[in-house]
């Protein structure tokens, strides 16, 4: 998962920083959730990641696929 950030950062940093923030929050959430034990601090990190996800998820509505008039495969 951490490699994902290394790959997408150069692609999104200047053109789509909100998409990068969303991606990082997802990676952080997935990584932290896999811990064996959680305390108040890890719960706080998880809540923060969810807040960032909720704040930035709307950026993808601009990227929705339009209907393919030619019926070509994606």
PDB file of N, CA and C in Angstrom:
ATOM      1  N   UNK A   1       0.828  -1.191   0.000  1.00  0.00           N
ATOM      2  CA  UNK A   1       0.000   0.000   0.000  1.00  0.00           C
ATOM      3  C   UNK A   1       0.870   1.252   0.000  1.00  0.00           C
ATOM      4  N   UNK A   2       1.948   1.240   0.733  1.00  0.00           N
ATOM      5  CA  UNK A   2       2.793   2.437   0.794  1.00  0.00           C
ATOM      6  C   UNK A   2       3.439   2.748  -0.548  1.00  0.00           C
ATOM      7  N   UNK A   3       3.646   1.746  -1.382  1.00  0.00           N
ATOM      8  CA  UNK A   3       4.209   1.963  -2.709  1.00  0.00           C
ATOM      9  C   UNK A   3       3.238   2.770  -3.568  1.00  0.00           C
ATOM     10  N   UNK A   4       1.953   2.607  -3.320  1.00  0.00           N
ATOM     11  CA  UNK A   4       0.942   3.355  -4.064  1.00  0.00           C
ATOM     12  C   UNK A   4       1.185   4.856  -3.948  1.00  0.00           C
ATOM     13  N   UNK A   5       1.490   5.337  -2.775  1.00  0.00           N
ATOM     14  CA  UNK A   5       1.747   6.760  -2.566  1.00  0.00           C
ATOM     15  C   UNK A   5       2.965   7.204  -3.373  1.00  0.00           C
ATOM     16  N   UNK A   6       4.007   6.394  -3.387  1.00  0.00           N
ATOM     17  CA  UNK A   6       5.203   6.739  -4.161  1.00  0.00           C
ATOM     18  C   UNK A   6       4.925   6.827  -5.649  1.00  0.00           C
ATOM     19  N   UNK A   7       4.011   6.003  -6.130  1.00  0.00           N
ATOM     20  CA  UNK A   7       3.690   5.980  -7.555  1.00  0.00           C
ATOM     21  C   UNK A   7       2.779   7.142  -7.943  1.00  0.00           C
ATOM     22  N   UNK A   8       1.757   7.418  -7.147  1.00  0.00           N
ATOM     23  CA  UNK A   8       0.777   8.433  -7.544  1.00  0.00           C
ATOM     24  C   UNK A   8       1.172   9.856  -7.172  1.00  0.00           C
ATOM     25  N   UNK A   9       2.088  10.043  -6.238  1.00  0.00           N
ATOM     26  CA  UNK A   9       2.457  11.399  -5.819  1.00  0.00           C
ATOM     27  C   UNK A   9       2.939  12.263  -6.977  1.00  0.00           C
ATOM     28  N   UNK A  10       3.889  11.810  -7.801  1.00  0.00           N
ATOM     29  CA  UNK A  10       4.320  12.668  -8.904  1.00  0.00           C
ATOM     30  C   UNK A  10       3.193  12.960  -9.909  1.00  0.00           C
ATOM     31  N   UNK A  11       2.246  12.058 -10.023  1.00  0.00           N
ATOM     32  CA  UNK A  11       1.150  12.242 -10.967  1.00  0.00           C
ATOM     33  C   UNK A  11       0.094  13.216 -10.459  1.00  0.00           C
ATOM     34  N   UNK A  12      -0.132  13.238  -9.162  1.00  0.00           N
ATOM     35  CA  UNK A  12      -1.244  14.006  -8.604  1.00  0.00           C
ATOM     36  C   UNK A  12      -0.843  15.264  -7.844  1.00  0.00           C
ATOM     37  N   UNK A  13       0.409  15.398  -7.482  1.00  0.00           N
ATOM     38  CA  UNK A  13       0.826  16.467  -6.580  1.00  0.00           C
ATOM     39  C   UNK A  13       0.417  17.850  -7.070  1.00  0.00           C
ATOM     40  N   UNK A  14       0.709  18.168  -8.295  1.00  0.00           N
ATOM     41  CA  UNK A  14       0.408  19.511  -8.816  1.00  0.00           C
ATOM     42  C   UNK A  14      -0.988  19.612  -9.417  1.00  0.00           C
ATOM     43  N   UNK A  15      -1.424  18.563 -10.090  1.00  0.00           N
ATOM     44  CA  UNK A  15      -2.692  18.627 -10.820  1.00  0.00           C
ATOM     45  C   UNK A  15      -3.905  18.287  -9.972  1.00  0.00           C
ATOM     46  N   UNK A  16      -3.750  17.426  -8.987  1.00  0.00           N
ATOM     47  CA  UNK A  16      -4.904  16.970  -8.206  1.00  0.00           C
ATOM     48  C   UNK A  16      -4.506  16.689  -6.755  1.00  0.00           C
ATOM     49  N   UNK A  17      -4.149  17.725  -5.998  1.00  0.00           N
ATOM     50  CA  UNK A  17      -3.720  17.493  -4.617  1.00  0.00           C
ATOM     51  C   UNK A  17      -4.813  16.889  -3.737  1.00  0.00           C
ATOM     52  N   UNK A  18      -6.087  17.153  -4.037  1.00  0.00           N
ATOM     53  CA  UNK A  18      -7.164  16.548  -3.246  1.00  0.00           C
ATOM     54  C   UNK A  18      -7.235  15.040  -3.472  1.00  0.00           C
ATOM     55  N   UNK A  19      -6.975  14.603  -4.705  1.00  0.00           N
ATOM     56  CA  UNK A  19      -6.952  13.161  -4.978  1.00  0.00           C
ATOM     57  C   UNK A  19      -5.791  12.506  -4.238  1.00  0.00           C
ATOM     58  N   UNK A  20      -4.676  13.207  -4.163  1.00  0.00           N
ATOM     59  CA  UNK A  20      -3.526  12.684  -3.436  1.00  0.00           C
ATOM     60  C   UNK A  20      -3.843  12.593  -1.944  1.00  0.00           C
ATOM     61  N   UNK A  21      -4.489  13.610  -1.400  1.00  0.00           N
ATOM     62  CA  UNK A  21      -4.869  13.586   0.023  1.00  0.00           C
ATOM     63  C   UNK A  21      -5.828  12.440   0.295  1.00  0.00           C
ATOM     64  N   UNK A  22      -6.779  12.214  -0.616  1.00  0.00           N
ATOM     65  CA  UNK A  22      -7.725  11.105  -0.474  1.00  0.00           C
ATOM     66  C   UNK A  22      -6.983   9.770  -0.476  1.00  0.00           C
ATOM     67  N   UNK A  23      -6.098   9.607  -1.449  1.00  0.00           N
ATOM     68  CA  UNK A  23      -5.346   8.360  -1.572  1.00  0.00           C
ATOM     69  C   UNK A  23      -4.495   8.106  -0.338  1.00  0.00           C
ATOM     70  N   UNK A  24      -3.847   9.143   0.144  1.00  0.00           N
ATOM     71  CA  UNK A  24      -3.007   8.982   1.335  1.00  0.00           C
ATOM     72  C   UNK A  24      -3.856   8.618   2.551  1.00  0.00           C
ATOM     73  N   UNK A  25      -5.015   9.248   2.681  1.00  0.00           N
ATOM     74  CA  UNK A  25      -5.889   8.938   3.817  1.00  0.00           C
ATOM     75  C   UNK A  25      -6.366   7.489   3.771  1.00  0.00           C
ATOM     76  N   UNK A  26      -6.685   7.005   2.573  1.00  0.00           N
ATOM     77  CA  UNK A  26      -7.092   5.595   2.425  1.00  0.00           C
ATOM     78  C   UNK A  26      -5.951   4.667   2.839  1.00  0.00           C
ATOM     79  N   UNK A  27      -4.751   4.965   2.351  1.00  0.00           N
ATOM     80  CA  UNK A  27      -3.591   4.132   2.690  1.00  0.00           C
ATOM     81  C   UNK A  27      -3.323   4.180   4.190  1.00  0.00           C
ATOM     82  N   UNK A  28      -3.382   5.368   4.774  1.00  0.00           N
ATOM     83  CA  UNK A  28      -3.175   5.481   6.223  1.00  0.00           C
ATOM     84  C   UNK A  28      -4.221   4.673   6.991  1.00  0.00           C
ATOM     85  N   UNK A  29      -5.480   4.805   6.590  1.00  0.00           N
ATOM     86  CA  UNK A  29      -6.558   4.093   7.272  1.00  0.00           C
ATOM     87  C   UNK A  29      -6.349   2.579   7.197  1.00  0.00           C
ATOM     88  N   UNK A  30      -6.085   2.077   5.997  1.00  0.00           N
ATOM     89  CA  UNK A  30      -5.901   0.631   5.813  1.00  0.00           C
ATOM     90  C   UNK A  30      -4.694   0.133   6.608  1.00  0.00           C
ATOM     91  N   UNK A  31      -3.632   0.906   6.607  1.00  0.00           N
ATOM     92  CA  UNK A  31      -2.425   0.510   7.333  1.00  0.00           C
ATOM     93  C   UNK A  31      -2.672   0.465   8.845  1.00  0.00           C
ATOM     94  N   UNK A  32      -3.289   1.507   9.382  1.00  0.00           N
ATOM     95  CA  UNK A  32      -3.514   1.576  10.830  1.00  0.00           C
ATOM     96  C   UNK A  32      -4.533   0.545  11.297  1.00  0.00           C
ATOM     97  N   UNK A  33      -5.549   0.304  10.489  1.00  0.00           N
ATOM     98  CA  UNK A  33      -6.590  -0.661  10.867  1.00  0.00           C
ATOM     99  C   UNK A  33      -6.008  -2.069  11.033  1.00  0.00           C
ATOM    100  N   UNK A  34      -4.897  -2.343  10.382  1.00  0.00           N
ATOM    101  CA  UNK A  34      -4.300  -3.663  10.456  1.00  0.00           C
ATOM    102  C   UNK A  34      -3.454  -3.877  11.714  1.00  0.00           C
ATOM    103  N   UNK A  35      -3.269  -2.839  12.523  1.00  0.00           N
ATOM    104  CA  UNK A  35      -2.536  -3.005  13.776  1.00  0.00           C
ATOM    105  C   UNK A  35      -3.248  -4.047  14.639  1.00  0.00           C
ATOM    106  N   UNK A  36      -2.480  -4.762  15.430  1.00  0.00           N
ATOM    107  CA  UNK A  36      -3.069  -5.780  16.312  1.00  0.00           C
ATOM    108  C   UNK A  36      -3.782  -5.155  17.502  1.00  0.00           C
ATOM    109  N   UNK A  37      -3.244  -4.048  18.006  1.00  0.00           N
ATOM    110  CA  UNK A  37      -3.828  -3.365  19.158  1.00  0.00           C
ATOM    111  C   UNK A  37      -4.050  -1.895  18.819  1.00  0.00           C
ATOM    112  N   UNK A  38      -5.082  -1.335  19.409  1.00  0.00           N
ATOM    113  CA  UNK A  38      -5.367   0.081  19.202  1.00  0.00           C
ATOM    114  C   UNK A  38      -5.502   0.769  20.548  1.00  0.00           C
ATOM    115  N   UNK A  39      -5.035   2.003  20.589  1.00  0.00           N
ATOM    116  CA  UNK A  39      -5.207   2.818  21.781  1.00  0.00           C
ATOM    117  C   UNK A  39      -5.875   4.127  21.352  1.00  0.00           C
ATOM    118  N   UNK A  40      -5.947   5.073  22.259  1.00  0.00           N
ATOM    119  CA  UNK A  40      -6.612   6.343  21.945  1.00  0.00           C
ATOM    120  C   UNK A  40      -5.932   7.064  20.786  1.00  0.00           C
ATOM    121  N   UNK A  41      -4.628   6.955  20.704  1.00  0.00           N
ATOM    122  CA  UNK A  41      -3.893   7.643  19.639  1.00  0.00           C
ATOM    123  C   UNK A  41      -4.183   7.029  18.268  1.00  0.00           C
ATOM    124  N   UNK A  42      -4.180   5.710  18.167  1.00  0.00           N
ATOM    125  CA  UNK A  42      -4.463   5.098  16.866  1.00  0.00           C
ATOM    126  C   UNK A  42      -5.916   5.348  16.454  1.00  0.00           C
ATOM    127  N   UNK A  43      -6.820   5.358  17.414  1.00  0.00           N
ATOM    128  CA  UNK A  43      -8.219   5.681  17.109  1.00  0.00           C
ATOM    129  C   UNK A  43      -8.320   7.118  16.597  1.00  0.00           C
ATOM    130  N   UNK A  44      -7.545   8.014  17.204  1.00  0.00           N
ATOM    131  CA  UNK A  44      -7.530   9.411  16.746  1.00  0.00           C
ATOM    132  C   UNK A  44      -7.018   9.498  15.309  1.00  0.00           C
ATOM    133  N   UNK A  45      -5.960   8.747  14.982  1.00  0.00           N
ATOM    134  CA  UNK A  45      -5.438   8.715  13.617  1.00  0.00           C
ATOM    135  C   UNK A  45      -6.487   8.178  12.639  1.00  0.00           C
ATOM    136  N   UNK A  46      -7.196   7.141  13.047  1.00  0.00           N
ATOM    137  CA  UNK A  46      -8.243   6.579  12.185  1.00  0.00           C
ATOM    138  C   UNK A  46      -9.358   7.593  11.935  1.00  0.00           C
ATOM    139  N   UNK A  47      -9.773   8.283  12.988  1.00  0.00           N
ATOM    140  CA  UNK A  47     -10.811   9.306  12.822  1.00  0.00           C
ATOM    141  C   UNK A  47     -10.343  10.422  11.903  1.00  0.00           C
ATOM    142  N   UNK A  48      -9.077  10.807  12.047  1.00  0.00           N
ATOM    143  CA  UNK A  48      -8.524  11.843  11.170  1.00  0.00           C
ATOM    144  C   UNK A  48      -8.524  11.380   9.709  1.00  0.00           C
ATOM    145  N   UNK A  49      -8.122  10.149   9.479  1.00  0.00           N
ATOM    146  CA  UNK A  49      -8.125   9.613   8.111  1.00  0.00           C
ATOM    147  C   UNK A  49      -9.535   9.604   7.537  1.00  0.00           C
ATOM    148  N   UNK A  50     -10.513   9.206   8.324  1.00  0.00           N
ATOM    149  CA  UNK A  50     -11.907   9.207   7.856  1.00  0.00           C
ATOM    150  C   UNK A  50     -12.373  10.625   7.555  1.00  0.00           C
ATOM    151  N   UNK A  51     -11.979  11.589   8.371  1.00  0.00           N
ATOM    152  CA  UNK A  51     -12.340  12.983   8.104  1.00  0.00           C
ATOM    153  C   UNK A  51     -11.766  13.461   6.776  1.00  0.00           C
ATOM    154  N   UNK A  52     -10.510  13.136   6.512  1.00  0.00           N
ATOM    155  CA  UNK A  52      -9.879  13.530   5.244  1.00  0.00           C
ATOM    156  C   UNK A  52     -10.571  12.839   4.077  1.00  0.00           C
ATOM    157  N   UNK A  53     -10.903  11.570   4.228  1.00  0.00           N
ATOM    158  CA  UNK A  53     -11.614  10.839   3.179  1.00  0.00           C
ATOM    159  C   UNK A  53     -12.943  11.519   2.873  1.00  0.00           C
ATOM    160  N   UNK A  54     -13.684  11.868   3.908  1.00  0.00           N
ATOM    161  CA  UNK A  54     -14.980  12.517   3.714  1.00  0.00           C
ATOM    162  C   UNK A  54     -14.843  13.903   3.086  1.00  0.00           C
ATOM    163  N   UNK A  55     -13.805  14.630   3.450  1.00  0.00           N
ATOM    164  CA  UNK A  55     -13.609  15.972   2.898  1.00  0.00           C
ATOM    165  C   UNK A  55     -13.197  15.954   1.430  1.00  0.00           C
ATOM    166  N   UNK A  56     -12.477  14.934   1.023  1.00  0.00           N
ATOM    167  CA  UNK A  56     -11.900  14.936  -0.323  1.00  0.00           C
ATOM    168  C   UNK A  56     -12.577  13.984  -1.306  1.00  0.00           C
ATOM    169  N   UNK A  57     -13.532  13.202  -0.872  1.00  0.00           N
ATOM    170  CA  UNK A  57     -14.137  12.210  -1.768  1.00  0.00           C
ATOM    171  C   UNK A  57     -14.893  12.845  -2.928  1.00  0.00           C
ATOM    172  N   UNK A  58     -15.352  14.048  -2.775  1.00  0.00           N
ATOM    173  CA  UNK A  58     -16.092  14.725  -3.835  1.00  0.00           C
ATOM    174  C   UNK A  58     -15.264  15.041  -5.069  1.00  0.00           C
ATOM    175  N   UNK A  59     -13.956  15.037  -4.930  1.00  0.00           N
ATOM    176  CA  UNK A  59     -13.087  15.346  -6.061  1.00  0.00           C
ATOM    177  C   UNK A  59     -13.250  14.320  -7.193  1.00  0.00           C
ATOM    178  N   UNK A  60     -13.697  13.126  -6.849  1.00  0.00           N
ATOM    179  CA  UNK A  60     -13.848  12.087  -7.856  1.00  0.00           C
ATOM    180  C   UNK A  60     -15.143  12.213  -8.660  1.00  0.00           C
ATOM    181  N   UNK A  61     -16.076  13.020  -8.202  1.00  0.00           N
ATOM    182  CA  UNK A  61     -17.323  13.176  -8.954  1.00  0.00           C
ATOM    183  C   UNK A  61     -17.063  13.829 -10.303  1.00  0.00           C
ATOM    184  N   UNK A  62     -16.003  14.613 -10.410  1.00  0.00           N
ATOM    185  CA  UNK A  62     -15.625  15.236 -11.678  1.00  0.00           C
ATOM    186  C   UNK A  62     -15.061  14.208 -12.657  1.00  0.00           C
ATOM    187  N   UNK A  63     -14.614  13.086 -12.137  1.00  0.00           N
ATOM    188  CA  UNK A  63     -13.928  12.077 -12.942  1.00  0.00           C
ATOM    189  C   UNK A  63     -14.829  10.930 -13.382  1.00  0.00           C
ATOM    190  N   UNK A  64     -16.130  11.065 -13.207  1.00  0.00           N
ATOM    191  CA  UNK A  64     -17.035   9.973 -13.558  1.00  0.00           C
ATOM    192  C   UNK A  64     -16.974   9.681 -15.052  1.00  0.00           C
ATOM    193  N   UNK A  65     -17.091   8.423 -15.383  1.00  0.00           N
ATOM    194  CA  UNK A  65     -17.055   7.993 -16.765  1.00  0.00           C
ATOM    195  C   UNK A  65     -18.371   8.382 -17.431  1.00  0.00           C
ATOM    196  N   UNK A  66     -18.251   8.975 -18.601  1.00  0.00           N
ATOM    197  CA  UNK A  66     -19.455   9.318 -19.353  1.00  0.00           C
ATOM    198  C   UNK A  66     -19.890   8.108 -20.163  1.00  0.00           C
ATOM    199  N   UNK A  67     -21.125   8.115 -20.593  1.00  0.00           N
ATOM    200  CA  UNK A  67     -21.630   6.979 -21.365  1.00  0.00           C
ATOM    201  C   UNK A  67     -20.866   6.853 -22.681  1.00  0.00           C
ATOM    202  N   UNK A  68     -20.531   5.635 -22.997  1.00  0.00           N
ATOM    203  CA  UNK A  68     -19.772   5.328 -24.209  1.00  0.00           C
ATOM    204  C   UNK A  68     -20.764   5.147 -25.356  1.00  0.00           C
ATOM    205  N   UNK A  69     -20.847   6.149 -26.228  1.00  0.00           N
ATOM    206  CA  UNK A  69     -21.828   6.117 -27.307  1.00  0.00           C
ATOM    207  C   UNK A  69     -21.504   5.066 -28.361  1.00  0.00           C
ATOM    208  N   UNK A  70     -20.233   4.733 -28.520  1.00  0.00           N
ATOM    209  CA  UNK A  70     -19.831   3.785 -29.543  1.00  0.00           C
ATOM    210  C   UNK A  70     -19.846   2.335 -29.041  1.00  0.00           C
ATOM    211  N   UNK A  71     -20.199   2.140 -27.793  1.00  0.00           N
ATOM    212  CA  UNK A  71     -20.247   0.809 -27.178  1.00  0.00           C
ATOM    213  C   UNK A  71     -18.901   0.100 -27.216  1.00  0.00           C
ATOM    214  N   UNK A  72     -17.827   0.883 -27.143  1.00  0.00           N
ATOM    215  CA  UNK A  72     -16.494   0.311 -27.124  1.00  0.00           C
ATOM    216  C   UNK A  72     -16.171  -0.166 -25.707  1.00  0.00           C
ATOM    217  N   UNK A  73     -15.386  -1.224 -25.567  1.00  0.00           N
ATOM    218  CA  UNK A  73     -15.010  -1.690 -24.237  1.00  0.00           C
ATOM    219  C   UNK A  73     -14.099  -0.675 -23.551  1.00  0.00           C
ATOM    220  N   UNK A  74     -14.101  -0.682 -22.253  1.00  0.00           N
ATOM    221  CA  UNK A  74     -13.259   0.253 -21.495  1.00  0.00           C
ATOM    222  C   UNK A  74     -11.843  -0.223 -21.501  1.00  0.00           C
TER     223      UNK A  74
END
